[in-house]
N, C-alpha and C. Protein backbone atom coordinates (compact mmCIF):
# COMPACT_ATOMS: atom_id res chain seq x y z
N MET A 1 -19.97 -20.87 -23.89
CA MET A 1 -18.75 -20.27 -24.34
C MET A 1 -17.57 -20.96 -23.67
N PRO A 2 -16.51 -21.26 -24.40
CA PRO A 2 -15.36 -21.94 -23.80
C PRO A 2 -14.62 -21.03 -22.83
N GLU A 3 -13.97 -21.66 -21.85
CA GLU A 3 -13.15 -20.88 -20.91
C GLU A 3 -11.89 -20.43 -21.62
N LEU A 4 -11.56 -19.19 -21.46
CA LEU A 4 -10.36 -18.64 -22.06
C LEU A 4 -9.21 -18.65 -21.06
N LYS A 5 -8.02 -18.74 -21.54
CA LYS A 5 -6.84 -18.73 -20.68
C LYS A 5 -6.72 -17.40 -19.93
N LEU A 6 -7.03 -16.30 -20.60
CA LEU A 6 -6.97 -14.98 -19.97
C LEU A 6 -8.24 -14.76 -19.15
N ALA A 7 -8.04 -14.52 -17.85
CA ALA A 7 -9.19 -14.26 -16.98
C ALA A 7 -9.78 -12.90 -17.29
N LYS A 8 -11.00 -12.68 -16.80
CA LYS A 8 -11.64 -11.38 -16.99
C LYS A 8 -10.77 -10.30 -16.37
N LEU A 9 -10.57 -9.22 -17.10
CA LEU A 9 -9.73 -8.13 -16.61
C LEU A 9 -10.38 -7.47 -15.39
N PRO A 10 -9.55 -7.03 -14.42
CA PRO A 10 -10.08 -6.37 -13.23
C PRO A 10 -10.58 -4.96 -13.57
N ASP A 11 -11.33 -4.40 -12.63
CA ASP A 11 -11.81 -3.03 -12.79
C ASP A 11 -10.60 -2.11 -12.88
N ARG A 12 -10.52 -1.35 -13.94
CA ARG A 12 -9.39 -0.44 -14.14
C ARG A 12 -9.81 1.01 -14.16
N THR A 13 -10.98 1.28 -13.60
CA THR A 13 -11.46 2.65 -13.54
C THR A 13 -10.66 3.41 -12.49
N PRO A 14 -9.96 4.46 -12.89
CA PRO A 14 -9.16 5.18 -11.89
C PRO A 14 -10.05 5.88 -10.86
N VAL A 15 -9.54 5.95 -9.65
CA VAL A 15 -10.23 6.62 -8.56
C VAL A 15 -9.36 7.79 -8.12
N LYS A 16 -9.92 8.98 -8.12
CA LYS A 16 -9.16 10.16 -7.73
C LYS A 16 -9.32 10.36 -6.22
N ILE A 17 -8.18 10.50 -5.56
CA ILE A 17 -8.15 10.75 -4.12
C ILE A 17 -7.35 12.03 -3.91
N THR A 18 -7.88 12.94 -3.13
CA THR A 18 -7.19 14.19 -2.84
C THR A 18 -6.65 14.12 -1.42
N VAL A 19 -5.38 14.43 -1.26
CA VAL A 19 -4.77 14.46 0.07
C VAL A 19 -4.05 15.78 0.27
N THR A 20 -3.88 16.14 1.51
CA THR A 20 -3.13 17.34 1.87
C THR A 20 -1.89 16.86 2.62
N VAL A 21 -0.73 17.36 2.21
CA VAL A 21 0.52 16.96 2.86
C VAL A 21 1.20 18.19 3.45
N SER A 22 2.08 17.93 4.38
CA SER A 22 2.82 19.02 5.00
C SER A 22 3.82 19.60 4.01
N PRO A 23 4.25 20.83 4.24
CA PRO A 23 5.28 21.42 3.36
C PRO A 23 6.56 20.57 3.32
N GLU A 24 6.92 20.00 4.46
CA GLU A 24 8.12 19.16 4.53
C GLU A 24 7.97 17.91 3.66
N LEU A 25 6.81 17.25 3.76
CA LEU A 25 6.57 16.07 2.93
C LEU A 25 6.54 16.45 1.46
N ASN A 26 5.96 17.57 1.13
CA ASN A 26 5.94 18.02 -0.26
C ASN A 26 7.36 18.22 -0.79
N ARG A 27 8.22 18.83 0.03
CA ARG A 27 9.62 19.01 -0.39
C ARG A 27 10.30 17.66 -0.60
N ASP A 28 10.03 16.73 0.30
CA ASP A 28 10.62 15.39 0.17
C ASP A 28 10.11 14.68 -1.08
N LEU A 29 8.84 14.82 -1.38
CA LEU A 29 8.29 14.20 -2.59
C LEU A 29 8.91 14.80 -3.85
N GLN A 30 9.09 16.12 -3.84
CA GLN A 30 9.73 16.78 -4.97
C GLN A 30 11.18 16.31 -5.12
N ALA A 31 11.88 16.20 -3.99
CA ALA A 31 13.26 15.72 -4.02
C ALA A 31 13.33 14.29 -4.51
N TYR A 32 12.36 13.48 -4.12
CA TYR A 32 12.31 12.09 -4.58
C TYR A 32 12.11 12.05 -6.10
N ALA A 33 11.22 12.88 -6.60
CA ALA A 33 10.97 12.93 -8.05
C ALA A 33 12.25 13.30 -8.79
N GLU A 34 13.02 14.22 -8.23
CA GLU A 34 14.29 14.61 -8.85
C GLU A 34 15.30 13.47 -8.79
N ALA A 35 15.37 12.78 -7.65
CA ALA A 35 16.28 11.64 -7.51
C ALA A 35 15.89 10.52 -8.48
N TYR A 36 14.59 10.31 -8.62
CA TYR A 36 14.08 9.31 -9.57
C TYR A 36 14.52 9.67 -10.98
N SER A 37 14.40 10.93 -11.33
CA SER A 37 14.80 11.42 -12.65
C SER A 37 16.29 11.17 -12.90
N GLU A 38 17.11 11.47 -11.90
CA GLU A 38 18.55 11.25 -12.03
C GLU A 38 18.88 9.76 -12.13
N ALA A 39 18.21 8.94 -11.33
CA ALA A 39 18.49 7.51 -11.32
C ALA A 39 18.17 6.85 -12.66
N TYR A 40 17.12 7.33 -13.31
CA TYR A 40 16.68 6.72 -14.58
C TYR A 40 16.96 7.61 -15.79
N GLN A 41 17.77 8.65 -15.62
CA GLN A 41 18.11 9.57 -16.70
C GLN A 41 16.88 9.92 -17.54
N SER A 42 15.86 10.41 -16.86
CA SER A 42 14.62 10.79 -17.53
C SER A 42 14.19 12.17 -17.07
N GLU A 43 13.15 12.67 -17.72
CA GLU A 43 12.58 13.94 -17.27
C GLU A 43 11.97 13.74 -15.89
N VAL A 44 11.88 14.82 -15.14
CA VAL A 44 11.29 14.73 -13.81
C VAL A 44 9.81 14.41 -13.95
N GLU A 45 9.42 13.29 -13.34
CA GLU A 45 8.01 12.88 -13.35
C GLU A 45 7.25 13.74 -12.35
N PRO A 46 6.02 14.10 -12.67
CA PRO A 46 5.22 14.81 -11.68
C PRO A 46 5.01 13.92 -10.44
N VAL A 47 5.06 14.53 -9.29
CA VAL A 47 4.86 13.78 -8.05
C VAL A 47 3.54 13.01 -8.10
N SER A 48 2.51 13.62 -8.66
CA SER A 48 1.20 12.98 -8.73
C SER A 48 1.24 11.68 -9.54
N GLU A 49 2.21 11.55 -10.45
CA GLU A 49 2.37 10.31 -11.22
C GLU A 49 3.14 9.26 -10.43
N LEU A 50 4.03 9.69 -9.55
CA LEU A 50 4.84 8.76 -8.77
C LEU A 50 4.10 8.20 -7.55
N ILE A 51 3.28 9.02 -6.93
CA ILE A 51 2.64 8.63 -5.66
C ILE A 51 1.88 7.30 -5.75
N PRO A 52 1.05 7.05 -6.76
CA PRO A 52 0.35 5.76 -6.79
C PRO A 52 1.31 4.55 -6.77
N TYR A 53 2.42 4.65 -7.47
CA TYR A 53 3.39 3.55 -7.48
C TYR A 53 4.13 3.44 -6.16
N MET A 54 4.39 4.58 -5.52
CA MET A 54 5.03 4.57 -4.21
C MET A 54 4.12 3.89 -3.19
N LEU A 55 2.85 4.23 -3.22
CA LEU A 55 1.89 3.63 -2.29
C LEU A 55 1.74 2.14 -2.55
N GLN A 56 1.67 1.78 -3.81
CA GLN A 56 1.53 0.37 -4.17
C GLN A 56 2.73 -0.44 -3.66
N ASP A 57 3.94 0.07 -3.87
CA ASP A 57 5.14 -0.62 -3.38
C ASP A 57 5.17 -0.68 -1.86
N PHE A 58 4.75 0.40 -1.21
CA PHE A 58 4.70 0.42 0.25
C PHE A 58 3.76 -0.68 0.76
N LEU A 59 2.57 -0.76 0.21
CA LEU A 59 1.61 -1.76 0.66
C LEU A 59 2.10 -3.18 0.40
N ARG A 60 2.72 -3.40 -0.75
CA ARG A 60 3.26 -4.73 -1.06
C ARG A 60 4.38 -5.13 -0.11
N SER A 61 5.13 -4.16 0.39
CA SER A 61 6.27 -4.46 1.26
C SER A 61 5.86 -4.60 2.73
N ASP A 62 4.64 -4.28 3.07
CA ASP A 62 4.17 -4.37 4.46
C ASP A 62 3.69 -5.79 4.72
N ARG A 63 4.52 -6.59 5.37
CA ARG A 63 4.20 -8.01 5.57
C ARG A 63 2.94 -8.22 6.39
N SER A 64 2.75 -7.41 7.42
CA SER A 64 1.55 -7.56 8.26
C SER A 64 0.30 -7.28 7.45
N PHE A 65 0.33 -6.25 6.63
CA PHE A 65 -0.82 -5.93 5.80
C PHE A 65 -1.10 -7.06 4.80
N THR A 66 -0.05 -7.55 4.15
CA THR A 66 -0.21 -8.62 3.17
C THR A 66 -0.80 -9.86 3.83
N LYS A 67 -0.32 -10.20 5.01
CA LYS A 67 -0.82 -11.36 5.74
C LYS A 67 -2.30 -11.17 6.11
N ALA A 68 -2.64 -10.00 6.64
CA ALA A 68 -4.03 -9.73 7.02
C ALA A 68 -4.94 -9.74 5.81
N LYS A 69 -4.47 -9.19 4.70
CA LYS A 69 -5.27 -9.16 3.48
C LYS A 69 -5.55 -10.57 2.97
N LYS A 70 -4.53 -11.43 3.00
CA LYS A 70 -4.71 -12.82 2.56
C LYS A 70 -5.68 -13.55 3.48
N ALA A 71 -5.55 -13.32 4.78
CA ALA A 71 -6.43 -13.98 5.75
C ALA A 71 -7.88 -13.53 5.53
N LYS A 72 -8.07 -12.26 5.27
CA LYS A 72 -9.42 -11.74 5.04
C LYS A 72 -10.01 -12.32 3.76
N GLN A 73 -9.19 -12.45 2.71
CA GLN A 73 -9.67 -12.99 1.45
C GLN A 73 -10.05 -14.46 1.60
N LYS A 74 -9.37 -15.18 2.48
CA LYS A 74 -9.68 -16.59 2.72
C LYS A 74 -10.86 -16.74 3.67
N GLY A 75 -11.25 -15.63 4.31
CA GLY A 75 -12.39 -15.68 5.23
C GLY A 75 -12.02 -16.20 6.60
N GLY A 76 -10.77 -16.18 6.93
CA GLY A 76 -10.35 -16.68 8.24
C GLY A 76 -9.33 -15.77 8.85
N GLY A 77 -8.54 -16.32 9.75
CA GLY A 77 -7.46 -15.54 10.36
C GLY A 77 -7.92 -14.84 11.61
N GLU A 78 -7.15 -13.83 12.01
CA GLU A 78 -7.41 -13.08 13.23
C GLU A 78 -8.69 -12.26 13.10
N SER A 79 -9.22 -11.86 14.23
CA SER A 79 -10.37 -10.97 14.21
C SER A 79 -9.95 -9.61 13.69
N THR A 80 -10.91 -8.83 13.24
CA THR A 80 -10.61 -7.51 12.70
C THR A 80 -9.91 -6.64 13.72
N SER A 81 -10.35 -6.65 14.97
CA SER A 81 -9.75 -5.78 15.98
C SER A 81 -8.30 -6.18 16.24
N ALA A 82 -7.99 -7.46 16.20
CA ALA A 82 -6.61 -7.89 16.41
C ALA A 82 -5.74 -7.48 15.24
N ARG A 83 -6.28 -7.51 14.03
CA ARG A 83 -5.49 -7.15 12.86
C ARG A 83 -5.17 -5.67 12.84
N THR A 84 -6.07 -4.84 13.35
CA THR A 84 -5.86 -3.40 13.27
C THR A 84 -4.98 -2.87 14.39
N GLN A 85 -4.75 -3.66 15.44
CA GLN A 85 -3.87 -3.23 16.51
C GLN A 85 -2.43 -3.46 16.11
N PRO A 86 -1.52 -2.59 16.53
CA PRO A 86 -0.10 -2.84 16.29
C PRO A 86 0.32 -4.14 16.96
N ALA A 87 1.30 -4.82 16.39
CA ALA A 87 1.75 -6.11 16.92
C ALA A 87 2.15 -6.01 18.39
N SER A 88 2.79 -4.91 18.78
CA SER A 88 3.21 -4.76 20.16
C SER A 88 2.02 -4.74 21.11
N ARG A 89 0.91 -4.14 20.70
CA ARG A 89 -0.28 -4.09 21.55
C ARG A 89 -0.93 -5.46 21.62
N ARG A 90 -0.96 -6.19 20.49
CA ARG A 90 -1.55 -7.54 20.49
C ARG A 90 -0.77 -8.42 21.44
N THR A 91 0.56 -8.34 21.40
CA THR A 91 1.40 -9.17 22.27
C THR A 91 1.18 -8.80 23.73
N ALA A 92 1.16 -7.50 24.02
CA ALA A 92 0.95 -7.05 25.39
C ALA A 92 -0.41 -7.48 25.90
N HIS A 93 -1.44 -7.38 25.06
CA HIS A 93 -2.78 -7.76 25.46
C HIS A 93 -2.85 -9.27 25.71
N ALA A 94 -2.25 -10.05 24.82
CA ALA A 94 -2.28 -11.50 24.96
C ALA A 94 -1.52 -11.92 26.21
N THR A 95 -0.43 -11.26 26.53
CA THR A 95 0.38 -11.58 27.69
C THR A 95 -0.39 -11.26 28.97
N SER A 96 -1.11 -10.14 29.00
CA SER A 96 -1.82 -9.74 30.20
C SER A 96 -3.00 -10.65 30.48
N MET A 97 -3.50 -11.35 29.49
CA MET A 97 -4.64 -12.24 29.68
C MET A 97 -4.23 -13.58 30.28
N SER A 98 -2.94 -13.96 30.19
CA SER A 98 -2.53 -15.27 30.68
C SER A 98 -2.16 -15.27 32.13
């Protein structure tokens, strides 16, 4: 079969995750949904519809996570324990070893 320009589509099976949030966070999420509605002159989206996109944008904007993810996909980079430590701890640990 010839190779097609469009690659095989990724797994698109949704995964349901249940989380519990504080009352304060719930109020903030509701307020965000209302602000989103005002910004885009649309009906208020359910928070449950916004959260996946919020998380996706958060992860994309986290440079350390993006770097670690790329390193892991390439099979190289820092060790797992170094990647999971906050940068300040890695620096302090590296400094104390010298």
